[in-house]
Amino acid sequence: MAPLNTTRTLFEVRVGAYHTIEVLLQIRQSDISWWNSDLQNHERQLHKLLGRRVLPVECRDEIEEFHSKRRIREERKAGFSEAKKGDGKKKVIVGEANLKK
């Protein structure tokens, strides 16, 4: 990001491979010189703040969907399937013949 010269700046932040969010940075006129004094560090802090506070709230559904798809993909890759999941015990069908034994 270039040094600020206005109190409102709109920029885009790329999130992952497919998503981009638009962020409007609104800063007081008196703070522009402060922001520009250590631009790289302030920009890093802003990205960290967005990643920790904004994205989890605004993109919750997309994040959950991504993780569930990833989990399924990893399970398939490891040779697991929904049918193999369980406690590993054989299923016993209870019927009259089994009850007599």
C-alpha atoms as a PDB file:
ATOM      1  CA  MET A   1       0.000   0.000   0.000  1.00  0.00           C
ATOM      2  CA  ALA A   2       1.263   3.461  -0.818  1.00  0.00           C
ATOM      3  CA  PRO A   3       1.568   6.197   1.825  1.00  0.00           C
ATOM      4  CA  LEU A   4      -1.758   7.783   2.683  1.00  0.00           C
ATOM      5  CA  ASN A   5      -2.643  11.313   1.646  1.00  0.00           C
ATOM      6  CA  THR A   6      -6.403  11.217   2.319  1.00  0.00           C
ATOM      7  CA  THR A   7      -8.492  10.257   5.331  1.00  0.00           C
ATOM      8  CA  ARG A   8     -10.368   7.519   3.459  1.00  0.00           C
ATOM      9  CA  THR A   9      -8.667   4.812   1.447  1.00  0.00           C
ATOM     10  CA  LEU A  10     -10.302   1.811  -0.176  1.00  0.00           C
ATOM     11  CA  PHE A  11      -8.076  -1.194  -0.819  1.00  0.00           C
ATOM     12  CA  GLU A  12      -8.484  -4.867  -1.595  1.00  0.00           C
ATOM     13  CA  VAL A  13      -7.076  -7.717   0.445  1.00  0.00           C
ATOM     14  CA  ARG A  14      -6.697 -11.124  -1.138  1.00  0.00           C
ATOM     15  CA  VAL A  15      -7.982 -13.935   1.044  1.00  0.00           C
ATOM     16  CA  GLY A  16      -6.798 -17.364  -0.017  1.00  0.00           C
ATOM     17  CA  ALA A  17      -6.778 -18.278  -3.681  1.00  0.00           C
ATOM     18  CA  TYR A  18     -10.308 -17.264  -4.631  1.00  0.00           C
ATOM     19  CA  HIS A  19     -11.567 -14.434  -2.446  1.00  0.00           C
ATOM     20  CA  THR A  20     -10.872 -10.733  -2.184  1.00  0.00           C
ATOM     21  CA  ILE A  21     -12.359  -8.378   0.361  1.00  0.00           C
ATOM     22  CA  GLU A  22     -12.623  -4.629   0.083  1.00  0.00           C
ATOM     23  CA  VAL A  23     -11.527  -2.651   3.118  1.00  0.00           C
ATOM     24  CA  LEU A  24     -12.233   1.014   3.702  1.00  0.00           C
ATOM     25  CA  LEU A  25      -9.578   2.476   5.953  1.00  0.00           C
ATOM     26  CA  GLN A  26     -10.825   5.646   7.556  1.00  0.00           C
ATOM     27  CA  ILE A  27      -8.208   7.588   9.486  1.00  0.00           C
ATOM     28  CA  ARG A  28      -8.171  11.018  11.102  1.00  0.00           C
ATOM     29  CA  GLN A  29      -6.312  13.784   9.297  1.00  0.00           C
ATOM     30  CA  SER A  30      -4.020  14.219  12.290  1.00  0.00           C
ATOM     31  CA  ASP A  31      -3.047  10.505  12.175  1.00  0.00           C
ATOM     32  CA  ILE A  32      -1.976  10.360   8.540  1.00  0.00           C
ATOM     33  CA  SER A  33       1.584  11.415   9.356  1.00  0.00           C
ATOM     34  CA  TRP A  34       1.704   8.810  12.134  1.00  0.00           C
ATOM     35  CA  TRP A  35       0.498   6.082   9.727  1.00  0.00           C
ATOM     36  CA  ASN A  36       3.051   7.058   7.100  1.00  0.00           C
ATOM     37  CA  SER A  37       5.890   7.234   9.643  1.00  0.00           C
ATOM     38  CA  ASP A  38       6.099   3.432   9.889  1.00  0.00           C
ATOM     39  CA  LEU A  39       3.995   2.339   6.935  1.00  0.00           C
ATOM     40  CA  GLN A  40       5.268  -1.227   6.698  1.00  0.00           C
ATOM     41  CA  ASN A  41       4.696  -2.025  10.372  1.00  0.00           C
ATOM     42  CA  HIS A  42       1.255  -0.361  10.474  1.00  0.00           C
ATOM     43  CA  GLU A  43       0.185  -2.202   7.325  1.00  0.00           C
ATOM     44  CA  ARG A  44       1.344  -5.510   8.850  1.00  0.00           C
ATOM     45  CA  GLN A  45      -0.637  -4.775  12.017  1.00  0.00           C
ATOM     46  CA  LEU A  46      -3.717  -3.914   9.971  1.00  0.00           C
ATOM     47  CA  HIS A  47      -3.510  -7.206   8.056  1.00  0.00           C
ATOM     48  CA  LYS A  48      -3.078  -9.102  11.315  1.00  0.00           C
ATOM     49  CA  LEU A  49      -6.108  -7.334  12.793  1.00  0.00           C
ATOM     50  CA  LEU A  50      -8.208  -8.109   9.718  1.00  0.00           C
ATOM     51  CA  GLY A  51      -7.150 -11.757   9.804  1.00  0.00           C
ATOM     52  CA  ARG A  52      -7.890 -12.238  13.486  1.00  0.00           C
ATOM     53  CA  ARG A  53     -10.995 -10.104  14.004  1.00  0.00           C
ATOM     54  CA  VAL A  54     -12.783  -9.335  10.732  1.00  0.00           C
ATOM     55  CA  LEU A  55     -12.369 -12.386   8.491  1.00  0.00           C
ATOM     56  CA  PRO A  56     -13.545 -14.993  11.037  1.00  0.00           C
ATOM     57  CA  VAL A  57     -16.768 -13.030  11.527  1.00  0.00           C
ATOM     58  CA  GLU A  58     -17.457 -11.938   7.960  1.00  0.00           C
ATOM     59  CA  CYS A  59     -16.348 -15.132   6.199  1.00  0.00           C
ATOM     60  CA  ARG A  60     -17.414 -17.751   8.762  1.00  0.00           C
ATOM     61  CA  ASP A  61     -19.524 -19.800   6.329  1.00  0.00           C
ATOM     62  CA  GLU A  62     -16.828 -19.912   3.653  1.00  0.00           C
ATOM     63  CA  ILE A  63     -14.167 -20.856   6.206  1.00  0.00           C
ATOM     64  CA  GLU A  64     -16.298 -23.669   7.652  1.00  0.00           C
ATOM     65  CA  GLU A  65     -17.126 -24.981   4.169  1.00  0.00           C
ATOM     66  CA  PHE A  66     -13.453 -24.935   3.193  1.00  0.00           C
ATOM     67  CA  HIS A  67     -12.396 -26.819   6.322  1.00  0.00           C
ATOM     68  CA  SER A  68     -15.120 -29.446   5.953  1.00  0.00           C
ATOM     69  CA  LYS A  69     -14.194 -30.058   2.294  1.00  0.00           C
ATOM     70  CA  ARG A  70     -10.531 -30.226   3.240  1.00  0.00           C
ATOM     71  CA  ARG A  71     -11.249 -32.677   6.059  1.00  0.00           C
ATOM     72  CA  ILE A  72     -13.248 -34.937   3.724  1.00  0.00           C
ATOM     73  CA  ARG A  73     -10.521 -34.770   1.081  1.00  0.00           C
ATOM     74  CA  GLU A  74      -7.845 -35.707   3.624  1.00  0.00           C
ATOM     75  CA  GLU A  75      -9.928 -38.602   4.950  1.00  0.00           C
ATOM     76  CA  ARG A  76     -10.432 -39.965   1.450  1.00  0.00           C
ATOM     77  CA  LYS A  77      -6.755 -39.580   0.736  1.00  0.00           C
ATOM     78  CA  ALA A  78      -5.908 -41.515   3.896  1.00  0.00           C
ATOM     79  CA  GLY A  79      -8.228 -44.344   2.836  1.00  0.00           C
ATOM     80  CA  PHE A  80     -11.073 -43.628   5.209  1.00  0.00           C
ATOM     81  CA  SER A  81     -14.704 -43.490   4.256  1.00  0.00           C
ATOM     82  CA  GLU A  82     -17.941 -42.932   6.076  1.00  0.00           C
ATOM     83  CA  ALA A  83     -18.589 -46.690   6.042  1.00  0.00           C
ATOM     84  CA  LYS A  84     -15.262 -47.455   7.737  1.00  0.00           C
ATOM     85  CA  LYS A  85     -15.823 -44.937  10.512  1.00  0.00           C
ATOM     86  CA  GLY A  86     -17.036 -46.288  13.796  1.00  0.00           C
ATOM     87  CA  ASP A  87     -15.722 -48.074  16.810  1.00  0.00           C
ATOM     88  CA  GLY A  88     -14.420 -51.071  14.857  1.00  0.00           C
ATOM     89  CA  LYS A  89     -16.826 -53.584  16.428  1.00  0.00           C
ATOM     90  CA  LYS A  90     -18.804 -56.058  14.381  1.00  0.00           C
ATOM     91  CA  LYS A  91     -22.482 -55.370  14.170  1.00  0.00           C
ATOM     92  CA  VAL A  92     -24.638 -58.086  15.675  1.00  0.00           C
ATOM     93  CA  ILE A  93     -28.177 -58.510  14.493  1.00  0.00           C
ATOM     94  CA  VAL A  94     -30.379 -59.356  17.447  1.00  0.00           C
ATOM     95  CA  GLY A  95     -33.136 -61.773  16.609  1.00  0.00           C
ATOM     96  CA  GLU A  96     -34.841 -64.798  18.057  1.00  0.00           C
ATOM     97  CA  ALA A  97     -32.057 -67.145  16.969  1.00  0.00           C
ATOM     98  CA  ASN A  98     -29.407 -65.031  18.697  1.00  0.00           C
ATOM     99  CA  LEU A  99     -31.398 -64.635  21.872  1.00  0.00           C
ATOM    100  CA  LYS A 100     -31.698 -68.433  22.334  1.00  0.00           C
ATOM    101  CA  LYS A 101     -27.924 -68.907  22.337  1.00  0.00           C
END
